[in-house]
C-alpha cells in the first residue's frame, strides 16, 4: 500500500519551491503519494510567533549567508537551475494561496502549482497584483479570470483559513513542513529522514 507524504505549502517560501521541484525522485523511490496542503505562511507565523529567517536571524553573524550557501548546494544537487529569487520579495501570497483552493475545486491544482511556482521563483513576477495573476494564469493555459474571481469566494477563503489553523494545531511553525503519518519534518534538509520514514 502506498504511503502518503503531506506537504504544508505556501508559494511565499523559496524553500517550498525548491522542495517541490526536488521531490519527484524521492516519491519515485518510495512509491509515496504527495498531498499538498495549501496554507498561509503569514498566518502560521502570526499564530506561532515565528518570523521569516531574514528577520529572525538578521542580527546573527553569518547565519543568513550560510542559509544562502545551503540553498545553492540544494540547487546544485537537484539541478534546479531555473530558480531565480523573486525581485518583489516578500510577495503577499494571500491571492495565490486562495487560488490554490480554487484550482483544487476546479480540478487543476497540479497545473496551477506548476504555473504559480514558475511565476514566483523562475519568472520573478509580482503575483500579488490581481492583473498580473490573471494574465499569467491565462498565458499558461488556465482560466485566469475565473480563478481570480474564485479567490473572493467565502468558501475558498474559509478553507484556506481552516487549513492554516489545522496546520498550526498539528505543530507546524513554518514552511516547508512535511508529515508522514504523525511524524513531522521541517525544512528542505530533511529529505533523508523523510525517505527513511516512508520506507519503514
C-alpha atoms as a PDB file:
ATOM      1  CA  UNK A   1       0.000   0.000   0.000  1.00  0.00           C
ATOM      2  CA  UNK A   2       1.389   3.399  -0.988  1.00  0.00           C
ATOM      3  CA  UNK A   3       2.265   5.801   1.819  1.00  0.00           C
ATOM      4  CA  UNK A   4       1.302   9.449   1.826  1.00  0.00           C
ATOM      5  CA  UNK A   5       3.660  12.400   2.130  1.00  0.00           C
ATOM      6  CA  UNK A   6       1.802  15.533   3.197  1.00  0.00           C
ATOM      7  CA  UNK A   7       3.388  18.863   2.288  1.00  0.00           C
ATOM      8  CA  UNK A   8       2.294  22.058   4.075  1.00  0.00           C
ATOM      9  CA  UNK A   9       2.836  24.597   1.305  1.00  0.00           C
ATOM     10  CA  UNK A  10       2.874  28.325   0.563  1.00  0.00           C
ATOM     11  CA  UNK A  11       4.292  29.907  -2.604  1.00  0.00           C
ATOM     12  CA  UNK A  12       5.956  32.591  -0.453  1.00  0.00           C
ATOM     13  CA  UNK A  13       8.711  30.240   0.686  1.00  0.00           C
ATOM     14  CA  UNK A  14      11.571  29.796  -1.799  1.00  0.00           C
ATOM     15  CA  UNK A  15      12.450  26.614   0.051  1.00  0.00           C
ATOM     16  CA  UNK A  16       8.947  25.276  -0.615  1.00  0.00           C
ATOM     17  CA  UNK A  17       9.593  25.778  -4.343  1.00  0.00           C
ATOM     18  CA  UNK A  18      12.942  24.010  -4.112  1.00  0.00           C
ATOM     19  CA  UNK A  19      11.418  21.096  -2.194  1.00  0.00           C
ATOM     20  CA  UNK A  20       8.516  20.664  -4.593  1.00  0.00           C
ATOM     21  CA  UNK A  21      10.854  20.585  -7.572  1.00  0.00           C
ATOM     22  CA  UNK A  22      13.213  18.111  -5.888  1.00  0.00           C
ATOM     23  CA  UNK A  23      10.530  15.721  -4.600  1.00  0.00           C
ATOM     24  CA  UNK A  24       9.823  13.596  -7.719  1.00  0.00           C
ATOM     25  CA  UNK A  25      12.869  11.349  -7.290  1.00  0.00           C
ATOM     26  CA  UNK A  26      12.069  10.745  -3.605  1.00  0.00           C
ATOM     27  CA  UNK A  27       8.446   9.976  -4.415  1.00  0.00           C
ATOM     28  CA  UNK A  28       9.514   7.567  -7.149  1.00  0.00           C
ATOM     29  CA  UNK A  29      11.927   5.702  -4.862  1.00  0.00           C
ATOM     30  CA  UNK A  30       9.412   5.406  -2.021  1.00  0.00           C
ATOM     31  CA  UNK A  31       6.291   4.992  -4.176  1.00  0.00           C
ATOM     32  CA  UNK A  32       4.664   7.597  -1.945  1.00  0.00           C
ATOM     33  CA  UNK A  33       1.722   9.787  -2.875  1.00  0.00           C
ATOM     34  CA  UNK A  34       2.183  13.529  -2.425  1.00  0.00           C
ATOM     35  CA  UNK A  35      -0.640  15.552  -0.883  1.00  0.00           C
ATOM     36  CA  UNK A  36      -0.145  19.320  -0.957  1.00  0.00           C
ATOM     37  CA  UNK A  37      -1.870  21.193   1.873  1.00  0.00           C
ATOM     38  CA  UNK A  38      -2.176  24.884   0.946  1.00  0.00           C
ATOM     39  CA  UNK A  39      -1.734  27.143   3.979  1.00  0.00           C
ATOM     40  CA  UNK A  40      -0.930  30.783   4.590  1.00  0.00           C
ATOM     41  CA  UNK A  41       2.630  31.151   5.868  1.00  0.00           C
ATOM     42  CA  UNK A  42       1.874  34.589   7.318  1.00  0.00           C
ATOM     43  CA  UNK A  43      -0.961  33.083   9.331  1.00  0.00           C
ATOM     44  CA  UNK A  44       1.306  30.323  10.620  1.00  0.00           C
ATOM     45  CA  UNK A  45       3.919  32.887  11.669  1.00  0.00           C
ATOM     46  CA  UNK A  46       1.308  35.023  13.408  1.00  0.00           C
ATOM     47  CA  UNK A  47      -0.177  32.097  15.308  1.00  0.00           C
ATOM     48  CA  UNK A  48       3.170  30.680  16.444  1.00  0.00           C
ATOM     49  CA  UNK A  49       5.215  33.839  16.987  1.00  0.00           C
ATOM     50  CA  UNK A  50       7.657  32.763  14.295  1.00  0.00           C
ATOM     51  CA  UNK A  51       9.393  35.104  11.828  1.00  0.00           C
ATOM     52  CA  UNK A  52      10.908  34.800   8.351  1.00  0.00           C
ATOM     53  CA  UNK A  53      14.618  33.860   8.513  1.00  0.00           C
ATOM     54  CA  UNK A  54      15.679  37.252   7.131  1.00  0.00           C
ATOM     55  CA  UNK A  55      14.054  38.877  10.163  1.00  0.00           C
ATOM     56  CA  UNK A  56      14.691  36.218  12.799  1.00  0.00           C
ATOM     57  CA  UNK A  57      18.408  35.885  12.052  1.00  0.00           C
ATOM     58  CA  UNK A  58      19.338  39.319  10.714  1.00  0.00           C
ATOM     59  CA  UNK A  59      21.479  40.062  13.773  1.00  0.00           C
ATOM     60  CA  UNK A  60      23.201  36.649  13.817  1.00  0.00           C
ATOM     61  CA  UNK A  61      26.617  36.996  12.194  1.00  0.00           C
ATOM     62  CA  UNK A  62      26.981  34.635   9.238  1.00  0.00           C
ATOM     63  CA  UNK A  63      23.594  32.902   9.574  1.00  0.00           C
ATOM     64  CA  UNK A  64      21.851  34.384   6.525  1.00  0.00           C
ATOM     65  CA  UNK A  65      24.988  33.924   4.427  1.00  0.00           C
ATOM     66  CA  UNK A  66      25.070  30.268   5.435  1.00  0.00           C
ATOM     67  CA  UNK A  67      21.392  29.877   4.560  1.00  0.00           C
ATOM     68  CA  UNK A  68      22.213  31.122   1.061  1.00  0.00           C
ATOM     69  CA  UNK A  69      25.063  28.617   0.834  1.00  0.00           C
ATOM     70  CA  UNK A  70      22.669  25.799   1.724  1.00  0.00           C
ATOM     71  CA  UNK A  71      20.244  26.994  -0.946  1.00  0.00           C
ATOM     72  CA  UNK A  72      22.991  26.964  -3.575  1.00  0.00           C
ATOM     73  CA  UNK A  73      24.085  23.472  -2.532  1.00  0.00           C
ATOM     74  CA  UNK A  74      20.492  22.233  -2.791  1.00  0.00           C
ATOM     75  CA  UNK A  75      20.067  23.858  -6.218  1.00  0.00           C
ATOM     76  CA  UNK A  76      23.250  22.190  -7.452  1.00  0.00           C
ATOM     77  CA  UNK A  77      22.386  18.768  -6.020  1.00  0.00           C
ATOM     78  CA  UNK A  78      18.924  18.676  -7.590  1.00  0.00           C
ATOM     79  CA  UNK A  79      19.824  20.623 -10.755  1.00  0.00           C
ATOM     80  CA  UNK A  80      17.278  23.372 -10.152  1.00  0.00           C
ATOM     81  CA  UNK A  81      18.967  25.990 -12.287  1.00  0.00           C
ATOM     82  CA  UNK A  82      15.641  27.624 -13.257  1.00  0.00           C
ATOM     83  CA  UNK A  83      15.362  29.067  -9.741  1.00  0.00           C
ATOM     84  CA  UNK A  84      15.650  32.845  -9.514  1.00  0.00           C
ATOM     85  CA  UNK A  85      14.985  34.882  -6.377  1.00  0.00           C
ATOM     86  CA  UNK A  86      11.868  36.995  -6.867  1.00  0.00           C
ATOM     87  CA  UNK A  87      12.811  40.693  -7.096  1.00  0.00           C
ATOM     88  CA  UNK A  88       9.473  41.647  -5.491  1.00  0.00           C
ATOM     89  CA  UNK A  89      10.110  39.508  -2.386  1.00  0.00           C
ATOM     90  CA  UNK A  90       8.373  39.402   0.004  1.00  0.00           C
ATOM     91  CA  UNK A  91       5.253  38.866  -2.086  1.00  0.00           C
ATOM     92  CA  UNK A  92       1.910  38.750  -0.281  1.00  0.00           C
ATOM     93  CA  UNK A  93       0.693  35.259  -1.221  1.00  0.00           C
ATOM     94  CA  UNK A  94      -2.903  35.547   0.000  1.00  0.00           C
ATOM     95  CA  UNK A  95      -4.239  35.775  -3.569  1.00  0.00           C
ATOM     96  CA  UNK A  96      -2.019  32.953  -4.822  1.00  0.00           C
ATOM     97  CA  UNK A  97      -2.897  30.660  -1.949  1.00  0.00           C
ATOM     98  CA  UNK A  98      -6.634  31.254  -2.240  1.00  0.00           C
ATOM     99  CA  UNK A  99      -6.068  30.436  -5.885  1.00  0.00           C
ATOM    100  CA  UNK A 100      -4.726  27.008  -4.900  1.00  0.00           C
ATOM    101  CA  UNK A 101      -8.025  26.219  -3.175  1.00  0.00           C
ATOM    102  CA  UNK A 102      -9.960  27.498  -6.193  1.00  0.00           C
ATOM    103  CA  UNK A 103      -7.778  25.442  -8.547  1.00  0.00           C
ATOM    104  CA  UNK A 104      -8.264  22.384  -6.363  1.00  0.00           C
ATOM    105  CA  UNK A 105     -12.038  22.853  -6.592  1.00  0.00           C
ATOM    106  CA  UNK A 106     -11.740  23.193 -10.371  1.00  0.00           C
ATOM    107  CA  UNK A 107      -9.601  20.048 -10.695  1.00  0.00           C
ATOM    108  CA  UNK A 108      -6.497  21.879 -11.971  1.00  0.00           C
ATOM    109  CA  UNK A 109      -4.450  22.120  -8.792  1.00  0.00           C
ATOM    110  CA  UNK A 110      -1.337  20.349 -10.089  1.00  0.00           C
ATOM    111  CA  UNK A 111      -1.119  22.593 -13.151  1.00  0.00           C
ATOM    112  CA  UNK A 112      -1.812  25.657 -11.021  1.00  0.00           C
ATOM    113  CA  UNK A 113       1.011  24.780  -8.627  1.00  0.00           C
ATOM    114  CA  UNK A 114       3.464  24.436 -11.507  1.00  0.00           C
ATOM    115  CA  UNK A 115       2.396  27.757 -13.009  1.00  0.00           C
ATOM    116  CA  UNK A 116       2.432  29.577  -9.694  1.00  0.00           C
ATOM    117  CA  UNK A 117       5.907  28.339  -8.818  1.00  0.00           C
ATOM    118  CA  UNK A 118       7.248  29.264 -12.218  1.00  0.00           C
ATOM    119  CA  UNK A 119       5.782  32.758 -11.938  1.00  0.00           C
ATOM    120  CA  UNK A 120       7.130  33.281  -8.415  1.00  0.00           C
ATOM    121  CA  UNK A 121      10.537  31.611  -8.464  1.00  0.00           C
ATOM    122  CA  UNK A 122      11.554  31.444 -12.118  1.00  0.00           C
ATOM    123  CA  UNK A 123       9.943  34.408 -13.882  1.00  0.00           C
ATOM    124  CA  UNK A 124      10.013  36.754 -10.876  1.00  0.00           C
ATOM    125  CA  UNK A 125       6.500  38.124 -11.355  1.00  0.00           C
ATOM    126  CA  UNK A 126       4.630  40.251  -8.825  1.00  0.00           C
ATOM    127  CA  UNK A 127       1.937  37.679  -8.156  1.00  0.00           C
ATOM    128  CA  UNK A 128       0.077  39.686  -5.518  1.00  0.00           C
ATOM    129  CA  UNK A 129      -1.079  42.002  -8.321  1.00  0.00           C
ATOM    130  CA  UNK A 130      -4.508  40.713  -9.467  1.00  0.00           C
ATOM    131  CA  UNK A 131      -3.919  41.789 -13.059  1.00  0.00           C
ATOM    132  CA  UNK A 132      -0.520  40.090 -13.221  1.00  0.00           C
ATOM    133  CA  UNK A 133      -2.042  36.998 -11.591  1.00  0.00           C
ATOM    134  CA  UNK A 134      -4.897  36.697 -14.100  1.00  0.00           C
ATOM    135  CA  UNK A 135      -2.674  37.351 -17.112  1.00  0.00           C
ATOM    136  CA  UNK A 136      -0.031  34.859 -16.007  1.00  0.00           C
ATOM    137  CA  UNK A 137      -2.545  32.094 -15.351  1.00  0.00           C
ATOM    138  CA  UNK A 138      -4.304  32.679 -18.674  1.00  0.00           C
ATOM    139  CA  UNK A 139      -0.999  32.718 -20.555  1.00  0.00           C
ATOM    140  CA  UNK A 140      -0.220  29.302 -19.057  1.00  0.00           C
ATOM    141  CA  UNK A 141      -3.492  27.802 -20.284  1.00  0.00           C
ATOM    142  CA  UNK A 142      -5.639  28.251 -17.190  1.00  0.00           C
ATOM    143  CA  UNK A 143      -8.737  30.425 -16.830  1.00  0.00           C
ATOM    144  CA  UNK A 144      -7.050  33.300 -15.049  1.00  0.00           C
ATOM    145  CA  UNK A 145     -10.136  35.479 -14.709  1.00  0.00           C
ATOM    146  CA  UNK A 146     -12.242  32.663 -13.303  1.00  0.00           C
ATOM    147  CA  UNK A 147      -9.532  31.746 -10.807  1.00  0.00           C
ATOM    148  CA  UNK A 148      -9.185  35.382  -9.781  1.00  0.00           C
ATOM    149  CA  UNK A 149     -12.919  35.696  -9.205  1.00  0.00           C
ATOM    150  CA  UNK A 150     -12.968  32.447  -7.235  1.00  0.00           C
ATOM    151  CA  UNK A 151     -10.402  33.792  -4.765  1.00  0.00           C
ATOM    152  CA  UNK A 152     -13.166  36.062  -3.435  1.00  0.00           C
ATOM    153  CA  UNK A 153     -15.470  33.104  -2.712  1.00  0.00           C
ATOM    154  CA  UNK A 154     -16.162  32.936   1.058  1.00  0.00           C
ATOM    155  CA  UNK A 155     -15.847  29.140   0.994  1.00  0.00           C
ATOM    156  CA  UNK A 156     -12.413  29.384  -0.643  1.00  0.00           C
ATOM    157  CA  UNK A 157     -11.289  31.922   1.957  1.00  0.00           C
ATOM    158  CA  UNK A 158     -12.633  29.781   4.784  1.00  0.00           C
ATOM    159  CA  UNK A 159     -10.913  26.631   3.535  1.00  0.00           C
ATOM    160  CA  UNK A 160      -7.505  28.327   3.429  1.00  0.00           C
ATOM    161  CA  UNK A 161      -8.037  29.653   6.958  1.00  0.00           C
ATOM    162  CA  UNK A 162      -9.120  26.190   8.108  1.00  0.00           C
ATOM    163  CA  UNK A 163      -6.055  24.533   6.556  1.00  0.00           C
ATOM    164  CA  UNK A 164      -3.786  27.084   8.218  1.00  0.00           C
ATOM    165  CA  UNK A 165      -5.385  26.682  11.648  1.00  0.00           C
ATOM    166  CA  UNK A 166      -5.219  22.894  11.374  1.00  0.00           C
ATOM    167  CA  UNK A 167      -1.532  23.026  10.441  1.00  0.00           C
ATOM    168  CA  UNK A 168      -0.750  25.164  13.498  1.00  0.00           C
ATOM    169  CA  UNK A 169      -2.795  22.845  15.698  1.00  0.00           C
ATOM    170  CA  UNK A 170      -0.743  19.962  14.346  1.00  0.00           C
ATOM    171  CA  UNK A 171       2.533  21.618  15.355  1.00  0.00           C
ATOM    172  CA  UNK A 172       3.525  23.402  12.157  1.00  0.00           C
ATOM    173  CA  UNK A 173       5.502  26.621  12.728  1.00  0.00           C
ATOM    174  CA  UNK A 174       6.882  27.266   9.240  1.00  0.00           C
ATOM    175  CA  UNK A 175       7.160  26.083   5.650  1.00  0.00           C
ATOM    176  CA  UNK A 176       8.239  23.720   4.159  1.00  0.00           C
ATOM    177  CA  UNK A 177       6.780  21.231   6.639  1.00  0.00           C
ATOM    178  CA  UNK A 178       6.126  17.582   5.828  1.00  0.00           C
ATOM    179  CA  UNK A 179       4.189  14.824   7.550  1.00  0.00           C
ATOM    180  CA  UNK A 180       4.438  11.069   7.192  1.00  0.00           C
ATOM    181  CA  UNK A 181       1.555   9.935   9.348  1.00  0.00           C
ATOM    182  CA  UNK A 182       2.028  11.807  12.608  1.00  0.00           C
ATOM    183  CA  UNK A 183       5.765  12.311  12.103  1.00  0.00           C
ATOM    184  CA  UNK A 184       6.662  15.923  11.285  1.00  0.00           C
ATOM    185  CA  UNK A 185       9.709  17.086   9.317  1.00  0.00           C
ATOM    186  CA  UNK A 186      10.659  20.730   8.799  1.00  0.00           C
ATOM    187  CA  UNK A 187      12.953  22.145   6.154  1.00  0.00           C
ATOM    188  CA  UNK A 188      14.498  21.113   2.865  1.00  0.00           C
ATOM    189  CA  UNK A 189      17.351  19.377   4.718  1.00  0.00           C
ATOM    190  CA  UNK A 190      15.035  16.593   5.936  1.00  0.00           C
ATOM    191  CA  UNK A 191      14.676  14.596   2.730  1.00  0.00           C
ATOM    192  CA  UNK A 192      16.826  11.712   4.013  1.00  0.00           C
ATOM    193  CA  UNK A 193      14.777  11.437   7.199  1.00  0.00           C
ATOM    194  CA  UNK A 194      11.526  11.635   5.239  1.00  0.00           C
ATOM    195  CA  UNK A 195      12.675   8.849   2.935  1.00  0.00           C
ATOM    196  CA  UNK A 196      13.658   6.662   5.890  1.00  0.00           C
ATOM    197  CA  UNK A 197      10.222   7.154   7.430  1.00  0.00           C
ATOM    198  CA  UNK A 198       8.420   6.402   4.176  1.00  0.00           C
ATOM    199  CA  UNK A 199      10.438   3.210   3.728  1.00  0.00           C
ATOM    200  CA  UNK A 200       9.651   1.818   7.193  1.00  0.00           C
END
